[in-house]
Amino acid sequence: MPLPPVLSRLRLPVIGAPLFIISNPKLVIAQCTAGVVGAMPALNARPAEQLDEWLAEITEALAAHDRAHPDQPAAPFAINQIVHRSNDRLDHDMQLCAKYRVPVVITSLGARTDVNDAVHAWGGLVFHDVINNAFAHKAVDKGADGLVLVAAGAGGHAGTKSPFALVQEVREWFAGPIALSGAIATGGAILAAQAMGADLAYIGSAFIATDEARASDAYKQAIVAATSDDIVYSSYFTGVHGNYLRGSILAAGLDPDHLPESDPSKMNFATGGAAKAWKDIWGCGQGIGAVREVVPAAQLVHRLVREYAAARQRLALG
């Protein structure tokens, strides 16, 4: 099934995953102008009024790019909305998304018909992220246009399913657009995601180690230095299982091999503990072994484009 028109002009079939705290207009604009979907969480704008300024900055910059490069228009951008009951900003942030007619909204931690209907009213697409087939059914039943399948090895809040199992189960009944998340950091992995049945790769951790990302230099260098052996899977920090860099857990004075379980009902994504946890404990996926240096986001996309083309050529010759 072909991708929706808004996603048909991508240079590479990639969505840059919205990175809590880290994604910002500078990174989103760099991703979109390089030819992949740039995304950020609405909650990264603090205070809430800043989201209006950020959406204006993104839309104006992408429009200016398109005027200057009519033959190479920018990719669309996406805003991530946490629809969990703890997010007391959702109504405010959705009104701003409507004001700027955000092309793609990525919903997380719950699926809501009212949110999907609101996005459809201004002509936008909704992708909902899920960790298993049951949640995928619920999301589509409530009106999601596409799915982000968060498989084992993904950064941040991640599932435990093999991408092979997850994609094949969802593709048995869902013909709409699928983005696959989970340790994707090379052009070959992007092509592999498509071979499995996904339409798009969903890449997060590799974009943390870019000039535009709003992460500390220590965080970026830790990603460059680390491998999949340095990733710890735990629910301790936010109440939902996720992947984190072992070194940051040790630096916080904790034992990464003996972290207690946490209660998901204690999540608070708007204020307080969760934000602090994500600042001090560094989320990261298992694909970081492919990240060798901190570079501009456009340079990372160029590398992925070259690797993707080379992978296609290898298969054509095989």
Protein backbone atom coordinates (compact mmCIF):
# COMPACT_ATOMS: atom_id res chain seq x y z
CA MET A 1 0.00 0.00 0.00
CA PRO A 2 1.50 3.40 -0.95
CA LEU A 3 2.28 5.89 1.76
CA PRO A 4 -0.10 8.84 2.29
CA PRO A 5 0.77 11.82 0.06
CA VAL A 6 2.21 13.84 2.94
CA LEU A 7 4.89 11.13 3.38
CA SER A 8 5.55 10.54 -0.30
CA ARG A 9 8.35 13.10 -0.73
CA LEU A 10 10.81 11.73 1.80
CA ARG A 11 14.43 11.40 0.69
CA LEU A 12 14.69 8.36 2.94
CA PRO A 13 11.84 6.34 4.55
CA VAL A 14 12.64 7.55 8.07
CA ILE A 15 10.89 9.26 10.94
CA GLY A 16 13.21 10.88 13.46
CA ALA A 17 11.76 9.72 16.76
CA PRO A 18 10.57 12.45 19.15
CA LEU A 19 13.17 12.54 21.93
CA PHE A 20 11.94 13.70 25.33
CA ILE A 21 13.84 16.84 26.42
CA ILE A 22 16.32 16.44 23.53
CA SER A 23 14.29 17.22 20.38
CA ASN A 24 13.82 20.91 19.60
CA PRO A 25 12.98 23.10 16.58
CA LYS A 26 16.62 23.23 15.46
CA LEU A 27 16.81 19.42 15.25
CA VAL A 28 13.36 19.05 13.68
CA ILE A 29 14.14 21.62 10.99
CA ALA A 30 17.49 19.97 10.23
CA GLN A 31 15.84 16.56 9.91
CA CYS A 32 13.03 17.80 7.67
CA THR A 33 15.26 19.82 5.37
CA ALA A 34 17.56 16.79 5.03
CA GLY A 35 14.56 14.78 3.80
CA VAL A 36 13.27 12.75 6.78
CA VAL A 37 10.36 13.40 9.11
CA GLY A 38 11.51 15.45 12.09
CA ALA A 39 9.57 15.05 15.31
CA MET A 40 9.51 16.39 18.85
CA PRO A 41 7.33 15.92 21.94
CA ALA A 42 4.96 18.81 22.64
CA LEU A 43 6.04 18.59 26.29
CA ASN A 44 9.60 19.60 25.37
CA ALA A 45 8.35 23.17 25.11
CA ARG A 46 8.41 24.56 28.65
CA PRO A 47 6.55 26.62 29.68
CA ALA A 48 3.55 25.52 27.66
CA GLU A 49 3.36 28.89 25.89
CA GLN A 50 6.70 28.16 24.24
CA LEU A 51 5.06 25.54 22.04
CA ASP A 52 3.35 28.30 20.04
CA GLU A 53 6.72 29.91 19.35
CA TRP A 54 8.32 26.61 18.42
CA LEU A 55 5.57 25.58 16.01
CA ALA A 56 5.75 28.99 14.36
CA GLU A 57 9.54 28.65 14.03
CA ILE A 58 9.29 25.20 12.46
CA THR A 59 6.51 26.01 10.00
CA GLU A 60 8.13 29.27 8.90
CA ALA A 61 11.57 27.69 8.46
CA LEU A 62 10.22 24.79 6.40
CA ALA A 63 8.15 27.14 4.24
CA ALA A 64 11.24 29.27 3.61
CA HIS A 65 13.21 26.15 2.68
CA ASP A 66 10.54 25.10 0.20
CA ARG A 67 10.54 28.53 -1.43
CA ALA A 68 14.32 28.40 -1.79
CA HIS A 69 14.40 24.75 -2.92
CA PRO A 70 11.23 24.07 -4.93
CA ASP A 71 12.76 20.92 -6.42
CA GLN A 72 13.70 19.52 -2.98
CA PRO A 73 10.88 20.37 -0.57
CA ALA A 74 11.30 19.60 3.10
CA ALA A 75 9.79 16.51 4.66
CA PRO A 76 6.79 17.07 6.95
CA PHE A 77 7.23 17.37 10.71
CA ALA A 78 5.50 15.53 13.53
CA ILE A 79 4.51 16.37 17.09
CA ASN A 80 4.35 13.71 19.78
CA GLN A 81 1.46 13.92 22.24
CA ILE A 82 1.43 11.93 25.47
CA VAL A 83 -2.24 11.04 25.92
CA HIS A 84 -1.76 9.45 29.35
CA ARG A 85 -4.02 10.94 32.02
CA SER A 86 -1.01 12.53 33.76
CA ASN A 87 -0.54 15.00 30.88
CA ASP A 88 -2.58 18.01 31.97
CA ARG A 89 -1.33 20.02 28.96
CA LEU A 90 -2.90 17.84 26.28
CA ASP A 91 -5.89 20.07 25.46
CA HIS A 92 -3.71 23.18 25.31
CA ASP A 93 -1.08 21.53 23.13
CA MET A 94 -3.67 20.01 20.79
CA GLN A 95 -5.19 23.45 20.20
CA LEU A 96 -1.79 24.71 19.07
CA CYS A 97 -1.33 21.70 16.81
CA ALA A 98 -4.67 22.58 15.22
CA LYS A 99 -3.60 26.22 14.83
CA TYR A 100 -0.52 25.19 12.84
CA ARG A 101 -2.19 22.19 11.16
CA VAL A 102 0.60 19.87 12.22
CA PRO A 103 0.97 17.29 9.41
CA VAL A 104 1.63 14.25 11.62
CA VAL A 105 0.77 13.65 15.27
CA ILE A 106 2.39 10.71 17.08
CA THR A 107 0.38 9.61 20.11
CA SER A 108 1.85 7.65 23.01
CA LEU A 109 0.74 5.91 26.20
CA GLY A 110 -2.91 5.45 25.32
CA ALA A 111 -5.14 5.68 22.26
CA ARG A 112 -7.99 8.21 22.22
CA THR A 113 -10.69 8.63 19.60
CA ASP A 114 -11.20 12.31 20.44
CA VAL A 115 -7.52 13.09 19.80
CA ASN A 116 -7.56 11.20 16.49
CA ASP A 117 -10.76 12.93 15.40
CA ALA A 118 -9.25 16.33 16.19
CA VAL A 119 -6.17 15.63 14.06
CA HIS A 120 -8.28 14.35 11.19
CA ALA A 121 -10.39 17.52 11.35
CA TRP A 122 -7.44 19.63 10.21
CA GLY A 123 -6.23 17.01 7.71
CA GLY A 124 -3.39 15.54 9.75
CA LEU A 125 -2.27 11.94 10.15
CA VAL A 126 -2.09 10.07 13.45
CA PHE A 127 0.56 7.44 14.19
CA HIS A 128 0.22 5.63 17.50
CA ASP A 129 3.16 3.86 19.09
CA VAL A 130 2.59 0.34 20.42
CA ILE A 131 4.65 -2.50 21.85
CA ASN A 132 2.44 -5.46 20.91
CA ASN A 133 -0.32 -6.64 18.58
CA ALA A 134 -3.12 -6.16 21.12
CA PHE A 135 -2.31 -2.47 21.56
CA ALA A 136 -2.02 -2.12 17.78
CA HIS A 137 -5.61 -3.37 17.38
CA LYS A 138 -6.84 -0.89 20.00
CA ALA A 139 -5.08 2.01 18.31
CA VAL A 140 -6.50 1.27 14.86
CA ASP A 141 -9.97 0.61 16.30
CA LYS A 142 -9.85 4.11 17.81
CA GLY A 143 -8.90 5.74 14.51
CA ALA A 144 -5.11 5.80 14.19
CA ASP A 145 -3.96 6.06 10.57
CA GLY A 146 -0.59 4.43 11.14
CA LEU A 147 1.39 2.57 13.77
CA VAL A 148 4.84 2.89 15.28
CA LEU A 149 5.86 -0.62 16.30
CA VAL A 150 8.27 -0.24 19.21
CA ALA A 151 10.23 -3.47 19.23
CA ALA A 152 13.01 -4.80 21.46
CA GLY A 153 16.11 -2.63 21.57
CA ALA A 154 14.39 0.72 21.04
CA GLY A 155 15.47 3.72 23.08
CA GLY A 156 13.20 5.26 25.68
CA HIS A 157 9.98 3.39 26.42
CA ALA A 158 10.45 0.10 24.58
CA GLY A 159 8.83 -3.28 24.25
CA THR A 160 10.32 -6.76 24.31
CA LYS A 161 9.00 -8.22 21.04
CA SER A 162 11.34 -9.17 18.22
CA PRO A 163 10.74 -6.85 15.27
CA PHE A 164 10.27 -9.94 13.08
CA ALA A 165 7.43 -11.20 15.27
CA LEU A 166 5.80 -7.82 15.81
CA VAL A 167 5.74 -6.73 12.17
CA GLN A 168 4.48 -10.05 10.85
CA GLU A 169 1.65 -10.23 13.38
CA VAL A 170 0.45 -6.69 12.67
CA ARG A 171 0.80 -7.06 8.90
CA GLU A 172 -1.58 -10.03 8.96
CA TRP A 173 -4.49 -7.61 9.45
CA PHE A 174 -3.24 -4.02 9.03
CA ALA A 175 -2.51 -2.60 5.57
CA GLY A 176 -1.82 0.97 6.67
CA PRO A 177 1.53 2.70 7.20
CA ILE A 178 3.90 1.14 9.74
CA ALA A 179 7.06 2.64 11.18
CA LEU A 180 9.40 0.23 12.94
CA SER A 181 11.46 1.22 15.97
CA GLY A 182 14.20 -0.79 17.62
CA ALA A 183 17.99 -0.48 17.23
CA ILE A 184 17.82 1.01 13.72
CA ALA A 185 20.90 3.14 13.11
CA THR A 186 22.17 2.22 9.63
CA GLY A 187 20.90 2.40 6.08
CA GLY A 188 20.97 -1.38 5.89
CA ALA A 189 18.68 -1.60 8.93
CA ILE A 190 16.24 0.81 7.25
CA LEU A 191 16.07 -1.48 4.22
CA ALA A 192 15.69 -4.51 6.50
CA ALA A 193 12.69 -2.86 8.17
CA GLN A 194 11.07 -2.47 4.77
CA ALA A 195 11.90 -6.07 3.83
CA MET A 196 10.05 -7.22 6.95
CA GLY A 197 6.94 -5.30 5.94
CA ALA A 198 7.36 -1.89 7.55
CA ASP A 199 7.09 1.26 5.43
CA LEU A 200 9.34 3.49 7.51
CA ALA A 201 12.17 3.24 10.01
CA TYR A 202 11.80 5.12 13.29
CA ILE A 203 15.24 6.32 14.42
CA GLY A 204 15.92 8.05 17.73
CA SER A 205 19.19 7.34 19.53
CA ALA A 206 21.45 8.09 16.57
CA PHE A 207 19.99 11.61 16.41
CA ILE A 208 20.95 12.29 20.03
CA ALA A 209 24.59 12.36 18.89
CA THR A 210 24.03 15.29 16.52
CA ASP A 211 25.02 18.92 16.80
CA GLU A 212 21.42 20.14 16.89
CA ALA A 213 20.17 17.79 19.62
CA ARG A 214 19.51 19.40 23.00
CA ALA A 215 21.62 16.90 24.93
CA SER A 216 24.75 17.50 26.96
CA ASP A 217 28.13 16.87 25.39
CA ALA A 218 28.68 14.13 27.95
CA TYR A 219 25.47 12.39 26.86
CA LYS A 220 26.43 12.59 23.19
CA GLN A 221 29.94 11.30 23.81
CA ALA A 222 28.56 8.46 25.96
CA ILE A 223 26.49 7.31 22.99
CA VAL A 224 29.53 7.45 20.72
CA ALA A 225 31.54 5.37 23.19
CA ALA A 226 28.85 2.82 24.12
CA THR A 227 27.51 -0.37 22.52
CA SER A 228 24.45 -2.52 23.04
CA ASP A 229 26.18 -4.11 26.06
CA ASP A 230 25.81 -0.77 27.85
CA ILE A 231 22.00 -0.65 27.68
CA VAL A 232 19.81 -1.43 30.72
CA TYR A 233 16.07 -2.18 30.47
CA SER A 234 14.11 -0.93 33.50
CA SER A 235 10.78 0.53 34.65
CA TYR A 236 12.35 2.21 37.68
CA PHE A 237 12.66 5.75 36.34
CA THR A 238 9.22 6.48 34.87
CA GLY A 239 7.02 3.50 35.70
CA VAL A 240 7.17 2.24 32.12
CA HIS A 241 9.95 -0.08 30.92
CA GLY A 242 12.61 1.64 28.87
CA ASN A 243 16.24 1.38 27.79
CA TYR A 244 18.94 3.49 29.43
CA LEU A 245 22.70 3.95 29.34
CA ARG A 246 24.37 1.98 32.11
CA GLY A 247 26.97 4.67 32.76
CA SER A 248 24.36 7.29 33.60
CA ILE A 249 22.71 4.94 36.10
CA LEU A 250 26.05 4.29 37.79
CA ALA A 251 26.76 8.03 37.87
CA ALA A 252 23.50 8.53 39.75
CA GLY A 253 24.75 6.19 42.46
CA LEU A 254 22.45 3.30 41.51
CA ASP A 255 23.14 -0.33 40.75
CA PRO A 256 21.95 -0.95 37.16
CA ASP A 257 21.76 -4.69 37.78
CA HIS A 258 19.44 -4.40 40.80
CA LEU A 259 16.90 -1.68 40.03
CA PRO A 260 13.46 -2.15 41.62
CA GLU A 261 10.25 -2.14 39.60
CA SER A 262 8.22 1.08 39.61
CA ASP A 263 4.49 1.75 39.62
CA PRO A 264 3.23 3.06 36.24
CA SER A 265 0.43 4.97 38.01
CA LYS A 266 3.07 7.33 39.40
CA MET A 267 4.06 8.66 35.98
CA ASN A 268 4.03 12.43 35.60
CA PHE A 269 5.10 13.69 32.20
CA ALA A 270 4.13 17.31 32.71
CA THR A 271 6.08 18.24 35.83
CA GLY A 272 8.17 16.79 38.58
CA GLY A 273 9.95 13.49 38.87
CA ALA A 274 9.69 12.04 35.36
CA ALA A 275 11.30 15.06 33.72
CA LYS A 276 14.17 14.99 36.22
CA ALA A 277 14.65 11.26 35.70
CA TRP A 278 14.96 11.64 31.96
CA LYS A 279 17.43 14.49 32.39
CA ASP A 280 19.77 12.66 34.74
CA ILE A 281 19.32 9.09 33.44
CA TRP A 282 20.09 8.89 29.74
CA GLY A 283 17.67 6.96 27.53
CA CYS A 284 19.21 5.12 24.61
CA GLY A 285 18.55 2.17 22.29
CA GLN A 286 20.66 -0.84 21.41
CA GLY A 287 21.62 0.40 17.93
CA ILE A 288 24.25 2.85 19.15
CA GLY A 289 27.19 0.67 18.16
CA ALA A 290 26.80 2.23 14.70
CA VAL A 291 27.23 5.77 16.09
CA ARG A 292 30.91 6.67 15.86
CA GLU A 293 30.93 10.48 16.11
CA VAL A 294 28.82 13.53 16.83
CA VAL A 295 27.81 15.13 13.53
CA PRO A 296 25.23 17.56 12.13
CA ALA A 297 21.85 15.91 11.63
CA ALA A 298 22.06 16.43 7.87
CA GLN A 299 25.38 14.56 7.79
CA LEU A 300 23.81 11.64 9.66
CA VAL A 301 20.97 11.53 7.11
CA HIS A 302 23.48 11.64 4.24
CA ARG A 303 25.30 8.64 5.76
CA LEU A 304 22.04 6.72 6.05
CA VAL A 305 21.18 7.54 2.43
CA ARG A 306 24.53 6.20 1.22
CA GLU A 307 24.22 3.04 3.32
CA TYR A 308 20.64 2.48 2.19
CA ALA A 309 21.66 2.72 -1.47
CA ALA A 310 24.61 0.39 -0.90
CA ALA A 311 22.37 -2.15 0.83
CA ARG A 312 19.93 -2.08 -2.07
CA GLN A 313 22.81 -2.62 -4.49
CA ARG A 314 24.14 -5.56 -2.49
CA LEU A 315 20.77 -7.27 -2.60
CA ALA A 316 20.36 -6.57 -6.31
CA LEU A 317 23.71 -8.23 -7.00
CA GLY A 318 22.99 -11.21 -4.74
